[in-house]
C-alpha cells in the first residue's frame, strides 16, 4: 500500500482486483475515484465519433488512471479495462483532494503516479508515430508477459487472442498473426500446449528496430518538432 493511504478511512480507499478484459470504467462515466496500479496493466482507450476504438496507453505498476476526477465531477474521456490481471488501490477523489493539500507525502505520491502515467502515454504515442508494427508488438508481448528469472521463458497469462493483441498494438489481426509466426520461427516466441511463451531474446528484436528508427531520425525529429512548437521535451522510447 502507498504510505499516505495507510491512515485513510476505509470508505475512501479500497483494493481492486480485476481480470483481463474486466471494465474499470467507461468513456463518458462520471468519475469520483482514482485507481493506483500495484501489479499488472490497465488499458486506456477512447472511442471516436465514428466508432473507432483507439488504444491510448497501457498503465502499469506505479501509474494511475482517473486523475481527471481530482478536478471535480466530470465525464471520463477514456474507457479503462484490465489488459492483464491487475491489482491496486481505488481511492476517493474527494478525500484525495483534501489529502494532497494537507500532506506533502500524499501530494508527492500523486504527482509521481501521474507523471509515470503521462511518460508512458508520451512514449506510446511516440512509438505509434515513429515505429512499425513489428517493434510495437514485440514491446507489447514483453510488457504483458509474466516476469521470469534471467533467461527464463515468460508466459502470457491468460493467453490473449490475436484480435486482442491487434487492438492493444493498434494494428490488424492478420498482421499480428503474421508477426507471431515470424517470432515463432525466430525462436523469440514459443508455444507450449495452450500457453504462449515469450523469451527475453525478443528484446533484441525491439532494440534493433528502435535503433533503426533512430538511425532514420524519426524519434529525434519528432521530439525536436514538439519542442519547437512549445510543447516541451518528450521522454525517449526506452529500449
Protein backbone atom coordinates (compact mmCIF):
# COMPACT_ATOMS: atom_id res chain seq x y z
CA UNK A 1 0.00 0.00 0.00
CA UNK A 2 1.10 3.56 -0.68
CA UNK A 3 2.25 5.05 2.62
CA UNK A 4 -0.13 8.00 2.53
CA UNK A 5 -3.12 5.65 2.20
CA UNK A 6 -2.45 3.82 5.48
CA UNK A 7 -4.37 6.35 7.58
CA UNK A 8 -7.17 6.89 5.09
CA UNK A 9 -10.73 5.97 6.17
CA UNK A 10 -11.88 2.64 4.82
CA UNK A 11 -14.77 4.25 2.92
CA UNK A 12 -12.26 6.33 0.93
CA UNK A 13 -9.76 3.60 -0.01
CA UNK A 14 -10.32 0.04 -1.16
CA UNK A 15 -8.43 -2.58 -3.13
CA UNK A 16 -9.34 -3.54 -6.66
CA UNK A 17 -8.55 -6.84 -8.35
CA UNK A 18 -9.65 -7.23 -11.96
CA UNK A 19 -9.08 -9.91 -14.55
CA UNK A 20 -8.17 -9.45 -18.23
CA UNK A 21 -10.94 -7.69 -20.12
CA UNK A 22 -12.80 -6.54 -17.00
CA UNK A 23 -14.04 -2.96 -17.28
CA UNK A 24 -12.97 -0.43 -14.65
CA UNK A 25 -14.99 2.43 -16.12
CA UNK A 26 -16.34 3.53 -19.49
CA UNK A 27 -15.82 6.64 -21.58
CA UNK A 28 -18.49 9.12 -20.51
CA UNK A 29 -18.87 7.69 -16.98
CA UNK A 30 -18.86 10.19 -14.14
CA UNK A 31 -15.60 9.74 -12.23
CA UNK A 32 -15.18 10.09 -8.48
CA UNK A 33 -12.23 7.72 -7.88
CA UNK A 34 -8.61 7.22 -8.91
CA UNK A 35 -7.04 3.80 -9.48
CA UNK A 36 -3.40 3.30 -8.49
CA UNK A 37 -1.87 0.24 -10.16
CA UNK A 38 0.24 -2.06 -7.99
CA UNK A 39 0.55 -5.11 -10.30
CA UNK A 40 -0.47 -5.78 -13.88
CA UNK A 41 -1.61 -3.37 -16.59
CA UNK A 42 -4.73 -1.36 -17.37
CA UNK A 43 -5.56 -0.45 -20.96
CA UNK A 44 -6.82 3.07 -21.62
CA UNK A 45 -8.82 3.55 -24.83
CA UNK A 46 -11.06 6.12 -26.48
CA UNK A 47 -13.87 5.74 -28.99
CA UNK A 48 -14.16 8.29 -31.80
CA UNK A 49 -17.41 9.73 -33.12
CA UNK A 50 -17.15 7.20 -35.99
CA UNK A 51 -16.96 4.31 -33.53
CA UNK A 52 -13.26 3.56 -33.94
CA UNK A 53 -11.61 2.41 -30.70
CA UNK A 54 -8.05 3.68 -30.21
CA UNK A 55 -5.70 2.42 -27.51
CA UNK A 56 -4.23 5.44 -25.73
CA UNK A 57 -1.99 3.73 -23.18
CA UNK A 58 -1.12 0.70 -21.07
CA UNK A 59 -0.74 1.84 -17.47
CA UNK A 60 1.46 -0.40 -15.33
CA UNK A 61 2.76 -0.58 -11.75
CA UNK A 62 3.25 2.86 -10.23
CA UNK A 63 0.79 4.50 -12.62
CA UNK A 64 -2.70 5.86 -12.05
CA UNK A 65 -5.92 6.33 -14.02
CA UNK A 66 -8.91 8.52 -13.26
CA UNK A 67 -6.79 11.52 -12.26
CA UNK A 68 -9.15 13.93 -14.01
CA UNK A 69 -11.58 13.31 -11.14
CA UNK A 70 -9.28 15.45 -8.98
CA UNK A 71 -10.64 18.46 -10.86
CA UNK A 72 -14.23 17.68 -9.93
CA UNK A 73 -17.12 15.59 -11.17
CA UNK A 74 -16.68 15.28 -14.95
CA UNK A 75 -17.34 12.55 -17.53
CA UNK A 76 -14.36 10.38 -18.35
CA UNK A 77 -12.60 10.98 -21.65
CA UNK A 78 -11.48 7.34 -21.79
CA UNK A 79 -12.53 3.78 -21.12
CA UNK A 80 -10.31 1.70 -18.84
CA UNK A 81 -10.15 -2.08 -18.52
CA UNK A 82 -7.63 -4.66 -17.39
CA UNK A 83 -5.17 -5.79 -20.04
CA UNK A 84 -3.82 -8.41 -17.61
CA UNK A 85 -4.70 -9.49 -14.10
CA UNK A 86 -4.43 -6.18 -12.27
CA UNK A 87 -4.43 -5.20 -8.60
CA UNK A 88 -4.13 -1.89 -6.85
CA UNK A 89 -5.96 0.76 -4.85
CA UNK A 90 -9.19 2.59 -5.58
CA UNK A 91 -9.16 6.00 -3.89
CA UNK A 92 -11.93 8.55 -3.40
CA UNK A 93 -11.18 11.72 -5.37
CA UNK A 94 -12.86 13.98 -2.81
CA UNK A 95 -10.76 12.52 0.03
CA UNK A 96 -7.60 12.73 -2.06
CA UNK A 97 -8.18 16.38 -2.94
CA UNK A 98 -8.09 17.15 0.78
CA UNK A 99 -5.15 14.84 1.44
CA UNK A 100 -2.84 16.41 -1.16
CA UNK A 101 -3.39 19.82 0.44
CA UNK A 102 -2.66 18.56 3.92
CA UNK A 103 0.11 16.02 3.33
CA UNK A 104 3.36 16.53 1.36
CA UNK A 105 3.69 12.72 1.20
CA UNK A 106 0.28 12.41 -0.45
CA UNK A 107 0.89 15.20 -2.96
CA UNK A 108 4.33 13.77 -3.84
CA UNK A 109 2.95 10.27 -4.37
CA UNK A 110 0.10 11.51 -6.56
CA UNK A 111 2.44 13.66 -8.66
CA UNK A 112 4.82 10.72 -9.16
CA UNK A 113 1.99 8.40 -10.18
CA UNK A 114 0.51 10.90 -12.63
CA UNK A 115 3.97 11.66 -14.05
CA UNK A 116 4.66 7.94 -14.56
CA UNK A 117 1.37 7.55 -16.41
CA UNK A 118 2.00 10.58 -18.62
CA UNK A 119 5.51 9.41 -19.50
CA UNK A 120 4.02 6.07 -20.52
CA UNK A 121 1.42 7.84 -22.66
CA UNK A 122 4.01 10.03 -24.37
CA UNK A 123 6.25 7.04 -25.09
CA UNK A 124 3.35 5.07 -26.55
CA UNK A 125 2.35 8.00 -28.77
CA UNK A 126 5.96 8.30 -29.97
CA UNK A 127 6.01 4.58 -30.76
CA UNK A 128 2.74 4.81 -32.69
CA UNK A 129 4.03 7.73 -34.76
CA UNK A 130 7.58 6.51 -35.37
CA UNK A 131 7.78 2.72 -35.05
CA UNK A 132 6.45 -0.01 -37.28
CA UNK A 133 4.03 -2.69 -36.06
CA UNK A 134 6.83 -5.24 -35.50
CA UNK A 135 8.59 -3.43 -32.62
CA UNK A 136 5.25 -2.26 -31.20
CA UNK A 137 4.05 -5.86 -30.97
CA UNK A 138 7.39 -7.01 -29.55
CA UNK A 139 7.19 -4.41 -26.77
CA UNK A 140 3.57 -5.33 -26.08
CA UNK A 141 4.38 -9.03 -25.67
CA UNK A 142 7.29 -8.20 -23.35
CA UNK A 143 5.05 -5.88 -21.33
CA UNK A 144 2.21 -8.38 -20.92
CA UNK A 145 4.39 -11.43 -20.20
CA UNK A 146 4.67 -12.63 -16.62
CA UNK A 147 8.23 -11.78 -15.46
CA UNK A 148 10.63 -14.68 -15.04
CA UNK A 149 14.19 -15.06 -13.84
CA UNK A 150 17.04 -14.12 -16.15
CA UNK A 151 16.91 -16.25 -19.27
CA UNK A 152 13.58 -17.85 -18.31
CA UNK A 153 10.53 -18.16 -20.54
CA UNK A 154 7.76 -15.73 -19.72
CA UNK A 155 4.16 -16.88 -20.25
CA UNK A 156 1.24 -14.64 -21.20
CA UNK A 157 -1.49 -15.44 -18.66
CA UNK A 158 -4.15 -15.80 -19.84
CA UNK A 159 -3.16 -16.14 -23.46
CA UNK A 160 -4.61 -13.19 -25.40
CA UNK A 161 -6.32 -13.69 -28.72
CA UNK A 162 -4.82 -12.23 -31.88
CA UNK A 163 -7.80 -9.85 -32.01
CA UNK A 164 -6.92 -8.57 -28.53
CA UNK A 165 -3.23 -8.18 -29.39
CA UNK A 166 -4.20 -6.31 -32.54
CA UNK A 167 -6.29 -3.88 -30.52
CA UNK A 168 -3.51 -3.30 -27.99
CA UNK A 169 -0.84 -2.89 -30.68
CA UNK A 170 -3.01 -0.63 -32.85
CA UNK A 171 -2.89 -2.93 -35.86
CA UNK A 172 -4.93 -5.67 -37.55
CA UNK A 173 -5.45 -9.31 -36.60
CA UNK A 174 -3.90 -10.68 -39.84
CA UNK A 175 -0.77 -8.56 -39.22
CA UNK A 176 -0.50 -9.91 -35.67
CA UNK A 177 -0.81 -13.49 -36.97
CA UNK A 178 1.99 -12.91 -39.50
CA UNK A 179 4.30 -11.37 -36.88
CA UNK A 180 3.58 -14.00 -34.21
CA UNK A 181 4.50 -16.71 -36.73
CA UNK A 182 7.66 -14.78 -37.60
CA UNK A 183 8.58 -14.54 -33.92
CA UNK A 184 7.96 -18.29 -33.54
CA UNK A 185 10.26 -19.11 -36.46
CA UNK A 186 12.96 -16.94 -34.93
CA UNK A 187 12.62 -18.65 -31.54
CA UNK A 188 11.52 -15.42 -29.84
CA UNK A 189 8.06 -16.77 -29.01
CA UNK A 190 7.19 -20.40 -28.24
CA UNK A 191 4.01 -22.41 -27.78
CA UNK A 192 3.64 -24.97 -25.01
CA UNK A 193 0.20 -26.51 -25.03
CA UNK A 194 -2.25 -23.65 -24.72
CA UNK A 195 0.44 -21.28 -23.44
CA UNK A 196 2.22 -18.59 -25.42
CA UNK A 197 5.74 -18.09 -24.05
CA UNK A 198 7.94 -15.06 -24.64
CA UNK A 199 11.72 -15.37 -24.49
CA UNK A 200 13.90 -12.49 -23.22
CA UNK A 201 15.58 -12.54 -26.66
CA UNK A 202 12.51 -10.74 -28.04
CA UNK A 203 14.00 -7.60 -26.50
CA UNK A 204 16.80 -7.89 -29.08
CA UNK A 205 14.24 -7.54 -31.88
CA UNK A 206 12.86 -4.43 -30.22
CA UNK A 207 16.30 -2.90 -29.68
CA UNK A 208 17.34 -3.41 -33.32
CA UNK A 209 14.10 -1.99 -34.72
CA UNK A 210 14.10 1.03 -32.40
CA UNK A 211 17.77 1.71 -33.20
CA UNK A 212 16.90 1.58 -36.89
CA UNK A 213 14.16 4.12 -36.38
CA UNK A 214 16.53 6.41 -34.52
CA UNK A 215 19.01 6.00 -37.34
CA UNK A 216 16.44 7.45 -39.70
CA UNK A 217 15.85 10.35 -37.33
CA UNK A 218 12.18 9.58 -36.70
CA UNK A 219 12.02 9.87 -32.91
CA UNK A 220 14.67 12.59 -32.62
CA UNK A 221 12.99 14.64 -35.34
CA UNK A 222 9.59 14.33 -33.67
CA UNK A 223 10.99 15.41 -30.31
CA UNK A 224 12.67 18.44 -31.89
CA UNK A 225 9.42 19.35 -33.64
CA UNK A 226 7.44 19.16 -30.40
CA UNK A 227 9.98 21.33 -28.60
CA UNK A 228 9.94 23.88 -31.43
CA UNK A 229 6.17 24.09 -31.13
CA UNK A 230 6.49 24.87 -27.45
CA UNK A 231 5.15 21.50 -26.36
CA UNK A 232 8.17 20.60 -24.21
CA UNK A 233 10.59 17.69 -24.40
CA UNK A 234 9.07 14.24 -24.53
CA UNK A 235 10.80 11.24 -22.90
CA UNK A 236 12.69 8.96 -25.25
CA UNK A 237 11.38 5.48 -26.02
CA UNK A 238 13.00 3.00 -23.67
CA UNK A 239 14.95 0.12 -25.10
